[in-house]
Amino acid sequence: MLDGASEAFFCFFDGNGVIPCYQTVFREAHLEQNFSIKVYKQYFNFASAHFLVFPDGTREPLHGHNYKVSVEGKKAILSADMVFDFLDLKPLVREVCSRLDHRLILPSENPMLKFEKSANENDPQVVTTPDGFRWSFPKNDLVILPISNTSVERLAQYFAIELAQLIKDKFNFSFSELILEVEETPGQSAVFTLKDGTCSGGQQA
């Protein structure tokens, strides 16, 4: 018999007794399986200000969005018949949202932005943009992220990496794929996928 195959015997009956049985060989299907959970709540949101800096040195005006977040996690093997407990996941998503909510988001890795250093923590953060403007912001109103720009794609990337680290630290768990979607306006979002230590991103218009 072939590997991965099984056999079955069918017997038929009529009024005169048993008709000889027939042997049939079936090949079992070896299918890859994967489970996923998806969570999106009304409170998975953050209202933040930002501006994009473009390669030619121009920038957007300072403006804001009411961002919304949804999360999908995949795993091939269940634990206690679950991918991951929703009750454990939801507070972590909300925690990352809270870090960004009601803040001006600036990227620390953009070479065209110049951040002035101050020895006094109570001094405002001064930032010079490539168009020559010098901005002064209260530090409590800022969040400076280790990203190259504040596009929705980079925010989705930051959020996914931070969320994955929280899950790992608190529960010693990792999804085989963590898919993070950030919507900046209705019908306009970016998706970032963290998979097996690698990442990929895409935009949905």
N, C-alpha and C. Protein backbone atom coordinates (compact mmCIF):
# COMPACT_ATOMS: atom_id res chain seq x y z
N MET A 1 0.85 -1.19 0.00
CA MET A 1 0.00 0.00 0.00
C MET A 1 0.88 1.24 0.00
N LEU A 2 0.43 2.31 -0.66
CA LEU A 2 1.20 3.54 -0.74
C LEU A 2 1.22 4.24 0.60
N ASP A 3 2.32 5.01 0.86
CA ASP A 3 2.39 5.82 2.07
C ASP A 3 1.26 6.82 2.08
N GLY A 4 0.71 7.05 3.28
CA GLY A 4 -0.35 8.03 3.42
C GLY A 4 -1.67 7.57 2.87
N ALA A 5 -1.81 6.26 2.61
CA ALA A 5 -3.07 5.75 2.07
C ALA A 5 -3.71 4.83 3.08
N SER A 6 -4.99 4.66 2.97
CA SER A 6 -5.72 3.74 3.82
C SER A 6 -6.67 2.93 2.95
N GLU A 7 -7.14 1.80 3.45
CA GLU A 7 -8.02 0.97 2.65
C GLU A 7 -9.33 0.73 3.38
N ALA A 8 -10.38 0.50 2.61
CA ALA A 8 -11.70 0.23 3.18
C ALA A 8 -12.35 -0.88 2.37
N PHE A 9 -13.25 -1.63 3.01
CA PHE A 9 -13.96 -2.73 2.37
C PHE A 9 -15.45 -2.41 2.36
N PHE A 10 -16.09 -2.52 1.19
CA PHE A 10 -17.51 -2.29 1.06
C PHE A 10 -18.20 -3.61 0.77
N CYS A 11 -19.24 -3.93 1.51
CA CYS A 11 -20.02 -5.14 1.29
C CYS A 11 -21.47 -4.76 1.02
N PHE A 12 -22.09 -5.41 0.04
CA PHE A 12 -23.45 -5.10 -0.34
C PHE A 12 -24.34 -6.31 -0.11
N PHE A 13 -25.56 -6.07 0.24
CA PHE A 13 -26.48 -7.14 0.57
C PHE A 13 -27.69 -7.09 -0.38
N ASP A 14 -28.15 -8.27 -0.75
CA ASP A 14 -29.41 -8.34 -1.49
C ASP A 14 -30.26 -9.45 -0.90
N GLY A 15 -31.32 -9.80 -1.54
CA GLY A 15 -32.21 -10.80 -0.99
C GLY A 15 -31.63 -12.20 -0.92
N ASN A 16 -30.58 -12.45 -1.68
CA ASN A 16 -29.97 -13.78 -1.73
C ASN A 16 -28.75 -13.91 -0.83
N GLY A 17 -28.41 -12.83 -0.11
CA GLY A 17 -27.24 -12.93 0.75
C GLY A 17 -26.22 -11.85 0.43
N VAL A 18 -25.00 -12.12 0.81
CA VAL A 18 -23.94 -11.12 0.69
C VAL A 18 -23.27 -11.22 -0.67
N ILE A 19 -23.16 -10.10 -1.33
CA ILE A 19 -22.36 -10.01 -2.55
C ILE A 19 -20.92 -9.77 -2.13
N PRO A 20 -19.95 -10.36 -2.81
CA PRO A 20 -18.54 -10.21 -2.42
C PRO A 20 -18.16 -8.75 -2.18
N CYS A 21 -17.30 -8.58 -1.20
CA CYS A 21 -16.84 -7.24 -0.83
C CYS A 21 -15.81 -6.74 -1.83
N TYR A 22 -15.74 -5.40 -1.94
CA TYR A 22 -14.79 -4.76 -2.82
C TYR A 22 -13.83 -3.91 -1.99
N GLN A 23 -12.58 -4.05 -2.31
CA GLN A 23 -11.55 -3.29 -1.60
C GLN A 23 -11.27 -1.99 -2.35
N THR A 24 -11.26 -0.89 -1.61
CA THR A 24 -10.97 0.42 -2.20
C THR A 24 -9.86 1.07 -1.41
N VAL A 25 -8.93 1.66 -2.11
CA VAL A 25 -7.81 2.35 -1.46
C VAL A 25 -8.03 3.85 -1.58
N PHE A 26 -7.92 4.53 -0.43
CA PHE A 26 -8.06 5.99 -0.40
C PHE A 26 -6.71 6.62 -0.05
N ARG A 27 -6.41 7.69 -0.67
CA ARG A 27 -5.22 8.45 -0.29
C ARG A 27 -5.67 9.58 0.63
N GLU A 28 -5.07 9.64 1.81
CA GLU A 28 -5.42 10.67 2.77
C GLU A 28 -4.80 12.00 2.36
N ALA A 29 -5.55 13.02 2.50
CA ALA A 29 -5.05 14.36 2.16
C ALA A 29 -4.23 14.91 3.33
N HIS A 30 -3.03 15.39 3.02
CA HIS A 30 -2.19 16.01 4.03
C HIS A 30 -2.25 17.53 3.81
N LEU A 31 -3.13 18.19 4.52
CA LEU A 31 -3.38 19.60 4.32
C LEU A 31 -2.75 20.43 5.43
N GLU A 32 -2.14 21.55 5.05
CA GLU A 32 -1.60 22.46 6.04
C GLU A 32 -2.76 23.18 6.71
N GLN A 33 -2.69 23.30 8.02
CA GLN A 33 -3.75 23.98 8.75
C GLN A 33 -3.19 25.15 9.53
N ASN A 34 -4.03 26.14 9.71
CA ASN A 34 -3.65 27.32 10.47
C ASN A 34 -4.90 27.91 11.09
N PHE A 35 -4.77 28.39 12.31
CA PHE A 35 -5.86 29.05 13.01
C PHE A 35 -5.51 30.53 13.16
N SER A 36 -6.53 31.34 13.27
CA SER A 36 -6.28 32.76 13.49
C SER A 36 -7.39 33.36 14.35
N ILE A 37 -7.03 34.42 15.04
CA ILE A 37 -8.01 35.22 15.75
C ILE A 37 -7.87 36.65 15.27
N LYS A 38 -8.98 37.38 15.31
CA LYS A 38 -8.97 38.78 14.91
C LYS A 38 -9.76 39.57 15.94
N VAL A 39 -9.22 40.70 16.31
CA VAL A 39 -9.88 41.51 17.33
C VAL A 39 -9.82 42.98 16.91
N TYR A 40 -10.95 43.62 16.97
CA TYR A 40 -11.04 45.06 16.70
C TYR A 40 -12.17 45.60 17.58
N LYS A 41 -11.82 46.57 18.39
CA LYS A 41 -12.76 47.14 19.35
C LYS A 41 -12.84 48.65 19.13
N GLN A 42 -13.95 49.22 19.54
CA GLN A 42 -14.11 50.66 19.39
C GLN A 42 -13.02 51.43 20.14
N TYR A 43 -12.55 50.88 21.25
CA TYR A 43 -11.52 51.58 22.03
C TYR A 43 -10.10 51.27 21.54
N PHE A 44 -9.96 50.52 20.46
CA PHE A 44 -8.64 50.35 19.84
C PHE A 44 -8.41 51.56 18.92
N ASN A 45 -8.12 52.69 19.50
CA ASN A 45 -7.94 53.90 18.70
C ASN A 45 -6.98 54.84 19.41
N PHE A 46 -6.43 55.75 18.65
CA PHE A 46 -5.62 56.83 19.22
C PHE A 46 -5.74 58.05 18.32
N ALA A 47 -5.89 59.20 18.94
CA ALA A 47 -6.00 60.47 18.23
C ALA A 47 -4.67 61.19 18.37
N SER A 48 -3.98 61.36 17.25
CA SER A 48 -2.61 61.89 17.29
C SER A 48 -2.37 62.88 16.17
N ALA A 49 -1.42 63.77 16.41
CA ALA A 49 -0.99 64.73 15.39
C ALA A 49 0.34 64.28 14.79
N HIS A 50 0.59 64.69 13.56
CA HIS A 50 1.86 64.33 12.91
C HIS A 50 2.03 65.18 11.65
N PHE A 51 3.17 65.05 11.02
CA PHE A 51 3.38 65.56 9.66
C PHE A 51 4.41 64.66 9.00
N LEU A 52 4.21 64.38 7.73
CA LEU A 52 5.17 63.60 6.95
C LEU A 52 6.26 64.52 6.41
N VAL A 53 7.48 63.99 6.37
CA VAL A 53 8.61 64.68 5.73
C VAL A 53 8.93 63.93 4.45
N PHE A 54 8.95 64.65 3.34
CA PHE A 54 9.15 64.02 2.03
C PHE A 54 10.62 64.07 1.62
N PRO A 55 11.03 63.18 0.71
CA PRO A 55 12.44 63.11 0.33
C PRO A 55 13.02 64.41 -0.22
N ASP A 56 12.18 65.26 -0.82
CA ASP A 56 12.70 66.52 -1.37
C ASP A 56 12.82 67.62 -0.32
N GLY A 57 12.54 67.29 0.96
CA GLY A 57 12.69 68.25 2.04
C GLY A 57 11.42 69.01 2.38
N THR A 58 10.38 68.82 1.59
CA THR A 58 9.10 69.44 1.94
C THR A 58 8.40 68.58 3.00
N ARG A 59 7.34 69.13 3.57
CA ARG A 59 6.63 68.39 4.60
C ARG A 59 5.15 68.74 4.54
N GLU A 60 4.37 67.89 5.17
CA GLU A 60 2.95 68.19 5.33
C GLU A 60 2.76 69.26 6.41
N PRO A 61 1.64 69.97 6.37
CA PRO A 61 1.28 70.80 7.53
C PRO A 61 0.99 69.90 8.73
N LEU A 62 1.19 70.43 9.89
CA LEU A 62 0.85 69.70 11.12
C LEU A 62 -0.66 69.46 11.13
N HIS A 63 -1.06 68.21 11.31
CA HIS A 63 -2.47 67.85 11.32
C HIS A 63 -2.64 66.58 12.14
N GLY A 64 -3.86 66.09 12.25
CA GLY A 64 -4.11 64.91 13.08
C GLY A 64 -5.08 63.94 12.46
N HIS A 65 -5.12 62.74 13.04
CA HIS A 65 -6.05 61.69 12.61
C HIS A 65 -6.62 61.00 13.84
N ASN A 66 -7.79 60.44 13.66
CA ASN A 66 -8.35 59.51 14.63
C ASN A 66 -8.08 58.10 14.12
N TYR A 67 -6.97 57.53 14.55
CA TYR A 67 -6.53 56.23 14.06
C TYR A 67 -7.31 55.10 14.73
N LYS A 68 -7.56 54.05 13.97
CA LYS A 68 -8.19 52.84 14.50
C LYS A 68 -7.30 51.64 14.20
N VAL A 69 -7.33 50.67 15.10
CA VAL A 69 -6.42 49.52 15.02
C VAL A 69 -7.21 48.23 15.03
N SER A 70 -6.79 47.29 14.22
CA SER A 70 -7.29 45.91 14.31
C SER A 70 -6.10 44.96 14.26
N VAL A 71 -6.25 43.82 14.91
CA VAL A 71 -5.15 42.87 15.08
C VAL A 71 -5.62 41.47 14.69
N GLU A 72 -4.79 40.78 13.93
CA GLU A 72 -5.03 39.37 13.63
C GLU A 72 -3.78 38.59 13.98
N GLY A 73 -3.96 37.46 14.68
CA GLY A 73 -2.84 36.60 15.04
C GLY A 73 -3.08 35.19 14.56
N LYS A 74 -2.04 34.58 14.00
CA LYS A 74 -2.16 33.23 13.46
C LYS A 74 -1.24 32.26 14.20
N LYS A 75 -1.69 31.01 14.28
CA LYS A 75 -0.90 29.95 14.91
C LYS A 75 -1.40 28.61 14.38
N ALA A 76 -0.47 27.72 14.07
CA ALA A 76 -0.86 26.42 13.53
C ALA A 76 -1.36 25.46 14.61
N ILE A 77 -0.86 25.62 15.82
CA ILE A 77 -1.18 24.69 16.90
C ILE A 77 -1.92 25.44 18.00
N LEU A 78 -3.02 24.87 18.45
CA LEU A 78 -3.80 25.48 19.51
C LEU A 78 -3.28 25.07 20.88
N SER A 79 -3.49 25.94 21.84
CA SER A 79 -3.22 25.63 23.24
C SER A 79 -4.52 25.80 24.00
N ALA A 80 -4.96 24.74 24.68
CA ALA A 80 -6.26 24.75 25.36
C ALA A 80 -7.37 25.10 24.38
N ASP A 81 -7.20 24.63 23.14
CA ASP A 81 -8.18 24.85 22.07
C ASP A 81 -8.34 26.31 21.68
N MET A 82 -7.32 27.11 21.94
CA MET A 82 -7.35 28.53 21.57
C MET A 82 -6.03 28.92 20.92
N VAL A 83 -6.11 29.89 20.02
CA VAL A 83 -4.88 30.50 19.49
C VAL A 83 -4.21 31.32 20.59
N PHE A 84 -4.99 32.22 21.18
CA PHE A 84 -4.54 33.08 22.27
C PHE A 84 -5.78 33.66 22.92
N ASP A 85 -5.72 33.89 24.20
CA ASP A 85 -6.90 34.35 24.93
C ASP A 85 -7.18 35.82 24.60
N PHE A 86 -8.39 36.10 24.13
CA PHE A 86 -8.78 37.48 23.85
C PHE A 86 -8.62 38.37 25.08
N LEU A 87 -8.93 37.82 26.24
CA LEU A 87 -8.87 38.62 27.47
C LEU A 87 -7.45 39.05 27.79
N ASP A 88 -6.47 38.30 27.32
CA ASP A 88 -5.07 38.69 27.51
C ASP A 88 -4.59 39.66 26.42
N LEU A 89 -5.14 39.51 25.22
CA LEU A 89 -4.67 40.31 24.09
C LEU A 89 -5.20 41.74 24.14
N LYS A 90 -6.46 41.91 24.46
CA LYS A 90 -7.09 43.24 24.36
C LYS A 90 -6.42 44.31 25.22
N PRO A 91 -6.05 44.03 26.47
CA PRO A 91 -5.38 45.09 27.25
C PRO A 91 -4.03 45.50 26.68
N LEU A 92 -3.35 44.59 26.01
CA LEU A 92 -2.05 44.93 25.44
C LEU A 92 -2.20 45.85 24.24
N VAL A 93 -3.21 45.58 23.41
CA VAL A 93 -3.47 46.48 22.28
C VAL A 93 -3.81 47.87 22.80
N ARG A 94 -4.64 47.90 23.82
CA ARG A 94 -5.03 49.19 24.39
C ARG A 94 -3.84 49.91 25.00
N GLU A 95 -2.90 49.17 25.57
CA GLU A 95 -1.71 49.79 26.16
C GLU A 95 -0.89 50.53 25.12
N VAL A 96 -0.70 49.92 23.95
CA VAL A 96 0.07 50.59 22.91
C VAL A 96 -0.70 51.79 22.38
N CYS A 97 -2.01 51.67 22.24
CA CYS A 97 -2.83 52.81 21.82
C CYS A 97 -2.65 53.98 22.78
N SER A 98 -2.64 53.68 24.06
CA SER A 98 -2.56 54.73 25.07
C SER A 98 -1.24 55.50 25.00
N ARG A 99 -0.18 54.83 24.57
CA ARG A 99 1.12 55.51 24.45
C ARG A 99 1.08 56.62 23.39
N LEU A 100 0.22 56.44 22.39
CA LEU A 100 0.17 57.34 21.24
C LEU A 100 -0.97 58.34 21.31
N ASP A 101 -1.93 58.07 22.17
CA ASP A 101 -3.16 58.86 22.19
C ASP A 101 -2.92 60.29 22.70
N HIS A 102 -3.50 61.26 21.98
CA HIS A 102 -3.40 62.68 22.34
C HIS A 102 -1.93 63.13 22.47
N ARG A 103 -1.15 62.71 21.49
CA ARG A 103 0.25 63.10 21.42
C ARG A 103 0.58 63.55 19.99
N LEU A 104 1.62 64.37 19.90
CA LEU A 104 2.24 64.64 18.62
C LEU A 104 3.31 63.57 18.40
N ILE A 105 3.24 62.87 17.28
CA ILE A 105 4.18 61.79 16.98
C ILE A 105 5.28 62.32 16.06
N LEU A 106 6.53 62.13 16.48
CA LEU A 106 7.68 62.52 15.67
C LEU A 106 8.60 61.31 15.47
N PRO A 107 9.25 61.23 14.31
CA PRO A 107 10.16 60.10 14.04
C PRO A 107 11.60 60.45 14.40
N SER A 108 12.22 59.63 15.22
CA SER A 108 13.60 59.91 15.62
C SER A 108 14.62 59.53 14.55
N GLU A 109 14.21 58.68 13.57
CA GLU A 109 15.17 58.15 12.61
C GLU A 109 15.13 58.88 11.27
N ASN A 110 14.51 60.03 11.22
CA ASN A 110 14.50 60.79 9.98
C ASN A 110 15.67 61.77 9.98
N PRO A 111 16.62 61.61 9.04
CA PRO A 111 17.83 62.45 9.07
C PRO A 111 17.56 63.92 8.77
N MET A 112 16.39 64.26 8.25
CA MET A 112 16.10 65.65 7.93
C MET A 112 15.50 66.43 9.09
N LEU A 113 15.20 65.73 10.19
CA LEU A 113 14.72 66.41 11.38
C LEU A 113 15.87 66.54 12.37
N LYS A 114 16.03 67.70 12.93
CA LYS A 114 17.11 67.95 13.88
C LYS A 114 16.51 68.18 15.27
N PHE A 115 16.83 67.29 16.21
CA PHE A 115 16.34 67.39 17.58
C PHE A 115 17.42 68.02 18.45
N GLU A 116 17.09 69.13 19.08
CA GLU A 116 18.04 69.78 19.98
C GLU A 116 17.98 69.11 21.35
N LYS A 117 19.14 68.88 21.93
CA LYS A 117 19.22 68.24 23.24
C LYS A 117 19.25 69.30 24.34
N SER A 118 18.65 68.95 25.47
CA SER A 118 18.63 69.87 26.61
C SER A 118 18.90 69.08 27.87
N ALA A 119 19.69 69.66 28.76
CA ALA A 119 20.00 68.99 30.02
C ALA A 119 18.83 69.02 30.99
N ASN A 120 17.93 69.94 30.79
CA ASN A 120 16.79 70.10 31.69
C ASN A 120 15.58 69.38 31.11
N GLU A 121 15.06 68.42 31.85
CA GLU A 121 13.92 67.65 31.36
C GLU A 121 12.67 68.49 31.20
N ASN A 122 12.59 69.61 31.91
CA ASN A 122 11.42 70.47 31.82
C ASN A 122 11.45 71.42 30.63
N ASP A 123 12.59 71.50 29.95
CA ASP A 123 12.67 72.34 28.77
C ASP A 123 11.84 71.74 27.63
N PRO A 124 11.30 72.57 26.77
CA PRO A 124 10.57 72.02 25.62
C PRO A 124 11.52 71.34 24.64
N GLN A 125 10.95 70.45 23.85
CA GLN A 125 11.73 69.80 22.80
C GLN A 125 11.73 70.70 21.57
N VAL A 126 12.91 71.06 21.13
CA VAL A 126 13.03 71.91 19.94
C VAL A 126 13.43 71.05 18.76
N VAL A 127 12.69 71.20 17.66
CA VAL A 127 12.92 70.41 16.45
C VAL A 127 12.98 71.36 15.27
N THR A 128 13.98 71.17 14.41
CA THR A 128 14.09 71.95 13.18
C THR A 128 13.75 71.07 12.00
N THR A 129 12.83 71.52 11.16
CA THR A 129 12.41 70.78 9.97
C THR A 129 13.20 71.26 8.76
N PRO A 130 13.25 70.46 7.69
CA PRO A 130 14.11 70.82 6.55
C PRO A 130 13.70 72.10 5.83
N ASP A 131 12.49 72.60 6.08
CA ASP A 131 12.08 73.86 5.46
C ASP A 131 12.54 75.07 6.28
N GLY A 132 13.32 74.81 7.35
CA GLY A 132 13.90 75.89 8.13
C GLY A 132 13.11 76.33 9.34
N PHE A 133 11.93 75.74 9.53
CA PHE A 133 11.13 76.11 10.70
C PHE A 133 11.70 75.45 11.96
N ARG A 134 11.64 76.19 13.04
CA ARG A 134 12.12 75.72 14.34
C ARG A 134 10.91 75.62 15.27
N TRP A 135 10.60 74.38 15.66
CA TRP A 135 9.41 74.10 16.45
C TRP A 135 9.81 73.85 17.91
N SER A 136 8.94 74.27 18.81
CA SER A 136 9.15 74.03 20.24
C SER A 136 7.89 73.38 20.81
N PHE A 137 8.04 72.16 21.34
CA PHE A 137 6.90 71.40 21.83
C PHE A 137 7.12 71.01 23.29
N PRO A 138 6.08 71.07 24.12
CA PRO A 138 6.19 70.51 25.48
C PRO A 138 6.48 69.01 25.39
N LYS A 139 7.44 68.54 26.13
CA LYS A 139 7.83 67.13 26.03
C LYS A 139 6.71 66.18 26.42
N ASN A 140 5.85 66.61 27.34
CA ASN A 140 4.75 65.75 27.76
C ASN A 140 3.71 65.55 26.66
N ASP A 141 3.73 66.40 25.66
CA ASP A 141 2.78 66.29 24.56
C ASP A 141 3.35 65.54 23.37
N LEU A 142 4.57 65.07 23.49
CA LEU A 142 5.28 64.41 22.39
C LEU A 142 5.44 62.92 22.66
N VAL A 143 5.48 62.14 21.58
CA VAL A 143 6.04 60.80 21.63
C VAL A 143 6.95 60.67 20.41
N ILE A 144 8.21 60.37 20.68
CA ILE A 144 9.21 60.26 19.61
C ILE A 144 9.48 58.78 19.39
N LEU A 145 9.14 58.30 18.20
CA LEU A 145 9.20 56.87 17.91
C LEU A 145 10.44 56.54 17.07
N PRO A 146 10.97 55.32 17.24
CA PRO A 146 12.15 54.91 16.46
C PRO A 146 11.77 54.46 15.05
N ILE A 147 11.20 55.38 14.28
CA ILE A 147 10.79 55.12 12.91
C ILE A 147 11.33 56.25 12.03
N SER A 148 11.30 56.05 10.72
CA SER A 148 11.88 57.03 9.80
C SER A 148 10.89 58.09 9.36
N ASN A 149 9.61 57.82 9.52
CA ASN A 149 8.59 58.79 9.16
C ASN A 149 7.30 58.39 9.86
N THR A 150 6.35 59.32 9.91
CA THR A 150 5.11 59.02 10.64
C THR A 150 3.98 58.64 9.69
N SER A 151 4.32 57.99 8.59
CA SER A 151 3.30 57.44 7.70
C SER A 151 2.51 56.36 8.42
N VAL A 152 1.32 56.09 7.94
CA VAL A 152 0.50 55.06 8.57
C VAL A 152 1.15 53.68 8.45
N GLU A 153 1.95 53.49 7.40
CA GLU A 153 2.68 52.23 7.26
C GLU A 153 3.68 52.05 8.39
N ARG A 154 4.44 53.10 8.68
CA ARG A 154 5.43 53.02 9.76
C ARG A 154 4.77 52.92 11.13
N LEU A 155 3.62 53.55 11.30
CA LEU A 155 2.90 53.42 12.57
C LEU A 155 2.41 51.99 12.76
N ALA A 156 1.93 51.37 11.69
CA ALA A 156 1.50 49.96 11.78
C ALA A 156 2.69 49.06 12.12
N GLN A 157 3.85 49.35 11.53
CA GLN A 157 5.06 48.58 11.83
C GLN A 157 5.44 48.73 13.30
N TYR A 158 5.50 49.97 13.77
CA TYR A 158 5.84 50.21 15.17
C TYR A 158 4.87 49.49 16.09
N PHE A 159 3.58 49.60 15.82
CA PHE A 159 2.56 49.02 16.68
C PHE A 159 2.72 47.50 16.74
N ALA A 160 2.93 46.86 15.60
CA ALA A 160 3.07 45.41 15.56
C ALA A 160 4.27 44.93 16.35
N ILE A 161 5.40 45.61 16.20
CA ILE A 161 6.62 45.21 16.90
C ILE A 161 6.46 45.39 18.40
N GLU A 162 5.86 46.51 18.81
CA GLU A 162 5.65 46.76 20.23
C GLU A 162 4.67 45.75 20.82
N LEU A 163 3.60 45.47 20.11
CA LEU A 163 2.61 44.51 20.61
C LEU A 163 3.21 43.11 20.70
N ALA A 164 3.97 42.70 19.69
CA ALA A 164 4.60 41.38 19.73
C ALA A 164 5.55 41.26 20.92
N GLN A 165 6.27 42.33 21.23
CA GLN A 165 7.20 42.30 22.36
C GLN A 165 6.45 42.21 23.68
N LEU A 166 5.35 42.94 23.81
CA LEU A 166 4.54 42.86 25.03
C LEU A 166 4.02 41.44 25.25
N ILE A 167 3.51 40.83 24.18
CA ILE A 167 2.98 39.47 24.29
C ILE A 167 4.08 38.50 24.68
N LYS A 168 5.26 38.67 24.09
CA LYS A 168 6.39 37.79 24.40
C LYS A 168 6.82 37.97 25.85
N ASP A 169 6.92 39.21 26.31
CA ASP A 169 7.40 39.49 27.66
C ASP A 169 6.42 38.99 28.73
N LYS A 170 5.13 39.17 28.49
CA LYS A 170 4.14 38.87 29.52
C LYS A 170 3.65 37.43 29.49
N PHE A 171 3.66 36.81 28.30
CA PHE A 171 3.08 35.48 28.18
C PHE A 171 4.01 34.47 27.53
N ASN A 172 5.22 34.89 27.16
CA ASN A 172 6.17 34.00 26.49
C ASN A 172 5.51 33.31 25.29
N PHE A 173 4.83 34.09 24.50
CA PHE A 173 4.06 33.57 23.36
C PHE A 173 4.36 34.42 22.14
N SER A 174 4.39 33.76 20.98
CA SER A 174 4.55 34.47 19.72
C SER A 174 3.59 33.89 18.69
N PHE A 175 2.91 34.74 17.96
CA PHE A 175 2.11 34.29 16.83
C PHE A 175 3.04 33.90 15.68
N SER A 176 2.61 32.93 14.88
CA SER A 176 3.38 32.65 13.66
C SER A 176 3.29 33.82 12.69
N GLU A 177 2.15 34.50 12.70
CA GLU A 177 1.98 35.75 11.97
C GLU A 177 1.17 36.71 12.83
N LEU A 178 1.64 37.93 12.92
CA LEU A 178 0.89 38.99 13.59
C LEU A 178 0.62 40.06 12.54
N ILE A 179 -0.66 40.28 12.27
CA ILE A 179 -1.08 41.20 11.21
C ILE A 179 -1.74 42.40 11.86
N LEU A 180 -1.15 43.55 11.64
CA LEU A 180 -1.60 44.77 12.30
C LEU A 180 -2.09 45.76 11.25
N GLU A 181 -3.32 46.20 11.39
CA GLU A 181 -3.89 47.19 10.48
C GLU A 181 -4.18 48.49 11.23
N VAL A 182 -3.72 49.60 10.68
CA VAL A 182 -4.00 50.92 11.24
C VAL A 182 -4.75 51.72 10.18
N GLU A 183 -5.93 52.20 10.56
CA GLU A 183 -6.74 53.03 9.68
C GLU A 183 -6.59 54.48 10.11
N GLU A 184 -6.24 55.35 9.14
CA GLU A 184 -6.08 56.76 9.49
C GLU A 184 -7.33 57.57 9.18
N THR A 185 -8.06 57.17 8.15
CA THR A 185 -9.37 57.74 7.85
C THR A 185 -10.25 56.59 7.37
N PRO A 186 -11.57 56.71 7.45
CA PRO A 186 -12.43 55.61 7.02
C PRO A 186 -12.13 55.16 5.59
N GLY A 187 -11.87 53.87 5.44
CA GLY A 187 -11.58 53.30 4.13
C GLY A 187 -10.15 53.47 3.67
N GLN A 188 -9.26 53.94 4.53
CA GLN A 188 -7.86 54.16 4.16
C GLN A 188 -6.97 53.68 5.29
N SER A 189 -6.22 52.60 5.03
CA SER A 189 -5.44 51.98 6.09
C SER A 189 -4.17 51.37 5.54
N ALA A 190 -3.27 51.00 6.44
CA ALA A 190 -2.05 50.28 6.09
C ALA A 190 -1.98 49.02 6.94
N VAL A 191 -1.40 47.97 6.37
CA VAL A 191 -1.30 46.67 7.03
C VAL A 191 0.17 46.28 7.10
N PHE A 192 0.57 45.81 8.27
CA PHE A 192 1.94 45.34 8.49
C PHE A 192 1.88 43.93 9.04
N THR A 193 2.70 43.04 8.50
CA THR A 193 2.72 41.65 8.91
C THR A 193 4.09 41.29 9.48
N LEU A 194 4.06 40.76 10.70
CA LEU A 194 5.27 40.26 11.35
C LEU A 194 5.19 38.75 11.32
N LYS A 195 6.14 38.12 10.61
CA LYS A 195 6.05 36.67 10.37
C LYS A 195 7.42 36.05 10.52
N ASP A 196 7.52 35.10 11.46
CA ASP A 196 8.77 34.34 11.64
C ASP A 196 9.99 35.25 11.72
N GLY A 197 9.83 36.37 12.43
CA GLY A 197 10.95 37.28 12.61
C GLY A 197 11.19 38.22 11.45
N THR A 198 10.35 38.13 10.41
CA THR A 198 10.49 39.04 9.27
C THR A 198 9.22 39.88 9.18
N CYS A 199 9.23 40.82 8.27
CA CYS A 199 8.08 41.71 8.19
C CYS A 199 7.80 42.07 6.75
N SER A 200 6.53 42.43 6.51
CA SER A 200 6.13 42.94 5.21
C SER A 200 4.98 43.90 5.43
N GLY A 201 4.82 44.82 4.52
CA GLY A 201 3.78 45.83 4.71
C GLY A 201 3.05 46.11 3.42
N GLY A 202 1.88 46.72 3.55
CA GLY A 202 1.12 47.09 2.36
C GLY A 202 0.10 48.14 2.73
N GLN A 203 -0.40 48.82 1.71
CA GLN A 203 -1.34 49.91 1.94
C GLN A 203 -2.65 49.57 1.28
N GLN A 204 -3.73 49.90 1.95
CA GLN A 204 -5.05 49.73 1.39
C GLN A 204 -5.68 51.09 1.25
N ALA A 205 -6.12 51.42 0.06
CA ALA A 205 -6.73 52.73 -0.19
C ALA A 205 -8.25 52.60 -0.20
